[in-house]
Amino acid sequence: MLIDKENTLKRLNRIEGQVRGIKKMIEEERYCIEVLQQMQAVKAALSKVEDAILKDHSNTCVASAIASGNAKQQQEKFNELIDLIGRYKSN
């Protein structure tokens, strides 16, 4: 795994804090638009973490399967990516 684990954990901790902040905003009955803006910020931050992990997967697991020459392993990694893309589309 090539992902910068420390940086990723920092990002996730920041996101966790943002989610707690959203919870507090709702408890305080803050203006809906402000809450929604914060929710969009959390979604964007999660998307960046997701992208980093996907890139890491491509650079390690998928690249390793390609380099192995093992057709079964290559097909498995390809199918994983197709399934993942399918889930993205349905969101």
C-alpha atoms as a PDB file:
ATOM      1  CA  MET A   1       0.000   0.000   0.000  1.00  0.00           C
ATOM      2  CA  LEU A   2       1.528   3.281  -1.160  1.00  0.00           C
ATOM      3  CA  ILE A   3      -1.090   5.568   0.359  1.00  0.00           C
ATOM      4  CA  ASP A   4       0.210   8.203   2.751  1.00  0.00           C
ATOM      5  CA  LYS A   5      -1.328   6.632   5.831  1.00  0.00           C
ATOM      6  CA  GLU A   6      -0.513   9.523   8.176  1.00  0.00           C
ATOM      7  CA  ASN A   7      -1.997  12.119   5.832  1.00  0.00           C
ATOM      8  CA  THR A   8      -5.079   9.988   5.212  1.00  0.00           C
ATOM      9  CA  LEU A   9      -5.675   9.527   8.933  1.00  0.00           C
ATOM     10  CA  LYS A  10      -5.312  13.292   9.464  1.00  0.00           C
ATOM     11  CA  ARG A  11      -7.897  13.911   6.750  1.00  0.00           C
ATOM     12  CA  LEU A  12     -10.265  11.381   8.303  1.00  0.00           C
ATOM     13  CA  ASN A  13      -9.837  12.962  11.737  1.00  0.00           C
ATOM     14  CA  ARG A  14     -10.654  16.346  10.220  1.00  0.00           C
ATOM     15  CA  ILE A  15     -13.751  14.859   8.576  1.00  0.00           C
ATOM     16  CA  GLU A  16     -14.758  13.299  11.884  1.00  0.00           C
ATOM     17  CA  GLY A  17     -14.542  16.743  13.483  1.00  0.00           C
ATOM     18  CA  GLN A  18     -16.628  18.238  10.692  1.00  0.00           C
ATOM     19  CA  VAL A  19     -19.319  15.598  11.229  1.00  0.00           C
ATOM     20  CA  ARG A  20     -19.379  16.356  14.953  1.00  0.00           C
ATOM     21  CA  GLY A  21     -19.730  20.022  14.025  1.00  0.00           C
ATOM     22  CA  ILE A  22     -22.707  19.240  11.801  1.00  0.00           C
ATOM     23  CA  LYS A  23     -24.314  17.307  14.640  1.00  0.00           C
ATOM     24  CA  LYS A  24     -23.856  20.323  16.931  1.00  0.00           C
ATOM     25  CA  MET A  25     -25.291  22.634  14.261  1.00  0.00           C
ATOM     26  CA  ILE A  26     -28.413  20.475  14.083  1.00  0.00           C
ATOM     27  CA  GLU A  27     -28.712  20.368  17.870  1.00  0.00           C
ATOM     28  CA  GLU A  28     -28.467  24.166  17.889  1.00  0.00           C
ATOM     29  CA  GLU A  29     -31.048  24.373  15.078  1.00  0.00           C
ATOM     30  CA  ARG A  30     -28.727  26.320  12.809  1.00  0.00           C
ATOM     31  CA  TYR A  31     -29.893  27.570   9.443  1.00  0.00           C
ATOM     32  CA  CYS A  32     -30.446  24.640   7.077  1.00  0.00           C
ATOM     33  CA  ILE A  33     -28.309  26.090   4.297  1.00  0.00           C
ATOM     34  CA  GLU A  34     -25.315  26.369   6.643  1.00  0.00           C
ATOM     35  CA  VAL A  35     -25.762  22.724   7.661  1.00  0.00           C
ATOM     36  CA  LEU A  36     -26.050  21.636   4.038  1.00  0.00           C
ATOM     37  CA  GLN A  37     -22.914  23.579   3.118  1.00  0.00           C
ATOM     38  CA  GLN A  38     -20.982  21.776   5.829  1.00  0.00           C
ATOM     39  CA  MET A  39     -22.360  18.457   4.637  1.00  0.00           C
ATOM     40  CA  GLN A  40     -21.132  19.214   1.123  1.00  0.00           C
ATOM     41  CA  ALA A  41     -17.682  19.977   2.530  1.00  0.00           C
ATOM     42  CA  VAL A  42     -17.633  16.583   4.286  1.00  0.00           C
ATOM     43  CA  LYS A  43     -18.700  14.794   1.109  1.00  0.00           C
ATOM     44  CA  ALA A  44     -15.966  16.554  -0.874  1.00  0.00           C
ATOM     45  CA  ALA A  45     -13.341  15.658   1.731  1.00  0.00           C
ATOM     46  CA  LEU A  46     -14.439  12.007   1.764  1.00  0.00           C
ATOM     47  CA  SER A  47     -14.304  11.976  -2.011  1.00  0.00           C
ATOM     48  CA  LYS A  48     -10.670  13.113  -1.923  1.00  0.00           C
ATOM     49  CA  VAL A  49      -9.771  10.317   0.495  1.00  0.00           C
ATOM     50  CA  GLU A  50     -11.651   7.844  -1.668  1.00  0.00           C
ATOM     51  CA  ASP A  51      -9.781   9.021  -4.769  1.00  0.00           C
ATOM     52  CA  ALA A  52      -6.429   8.623  -3.024  1.00  0.00           C
ATOM     53  CA  ILE A  53      -7.250   5.079  -1.950  1.00  0.00           C
ATOM     54  CA  LEU A  54      -8.481   4.169  -5.431  1.00  0.00           C
ATOM     55  CA  LYS A  55      -5.297   5.548  -7.001  1.00  0.00           C
ATOM     56  CA  ASP A  56      -3.260   3.559  -4.508  1.00  0.00           C
ATOM     57  CA  HIS A  57      -5.191   0.415  -5.363  1.00  0.00           C
ATOM     58  CA  SER A  58      -4.555   0.982  -9.059  1.00  0.00           C
ATOM     59  CA  ASN A  59      -0.857   1.636  -8.491  1.00  0.00           C
ATOM     60  CA  THR A  60      -0.334  -1.417  -6.304  1.00  0.00           C
ATOM     61  CA  CYS A  61      -2.900  -4.200  -6.567  1.00  0.00           C
ATOM     62  CA  VAL A  62      -3.979  -3.677 -10.170  1.00  0.00           C
ATOM     63  CA  ALA A  63      -0.441  -3.004 -11.388  1.00  0.00           C
ATOM     64  CA  SER A  64       0.768  -6.116  -9.564  1.00  0.00           C
ATOM     65  CA  ALA A  65      -1.939  -8.233 -11.201  1.00  0.00           C
ATOM     66  CA  ILE A  66      -0.981  -6.903 -14.635  1.00  0.00           C
ATOM     67  CA  ALA A  67       2.715  -7.518 -14.027  1.00  0.00           C
ATOM     68  CA  SER A  68       2.051 -11.042 -12.738  1.00  0.00           C
ATOM     69  CA  GLY A  69       0.834 -12.243 -16.115  1.00  0.00           C
ATOM     70  CA  ASN A  70      -1.783 -14.286 -14.241  1.00  0.00           C
ATOM     71  CA  ALA A  71      -4.955 -13.971 -16.331  1.00  0.00           C
ATOM     72  CA  LYS A  72      -7.243 -15.006 -13.450  1.00  0.00           C
ATOM     73  CA  GLN A  73      -5.753 -12.415 -11.107  1.00  0.00           C
ATOM     74  CA  GLN A  74      -5.933  -9.745 -13.817  1.00  0.00           C
ATOM     75  CA  GLN A  75      -9.604 -10.558 -14.450  1.00  0.00           C
ATOM     76  CA  GLU A  76     -10.389 -10.409 -10.718  1.00  0.00           C
ATOM     77  CA  LYS A  77      -8.832  -6.945 -10.346  1.00  0.00           C
ATOM     78  CA  PHE A  78     -10.553  -5.733 -13.510  1.00  0.00           C
ATOM     79  CA  ASN A  79     -13.909  -7.006 -12.225  1.00  0.00           C
ATOM     80  CA  GLU A  80     -13.340  -5.272  -8.873  1.00  0.00           C
ATOM     81  CA  LEU A  81     -12.850  -1.966 -10.656  1.00  0.00           C
ATOM     82  CA  ILE A  82     -15.923  -2.477 -12.854  1.00  0.00           C
ATOM     83  CA  ASP A  83     -18.043  -3.316  -9.789  1.00  0.00           C
ATOM     84  CA  LEU A  84     -16.747  -0.221  -8.011  1.00  0.00           C
ATOM     85  CA  ILE A  85     -17.522   2.009 -10.991  1.00  0.00           C
ATOM     86  CA  GLY A  86     -21.017   0.498 -11.103  1.00  0.00           C
ATOM     87  CA  ARG A  87     -21.573   1.430  -7.467  1.00  0.00           C
ATOM     88  CA  TYR A  88     -20.381   4.990  -8.165  1.00  0.00           C
ATOM     89  CA  LYS A  89     -22.941   5.320 -10.937  1.00  0.00           C
ATOM     90  CA  SER A  90     -25.813   4.220  -8.714  1.00  0.00           C
ATOM     91  CA  ASN A  91     -25.001   6.839  -6.077  1.00  0.00           C
END
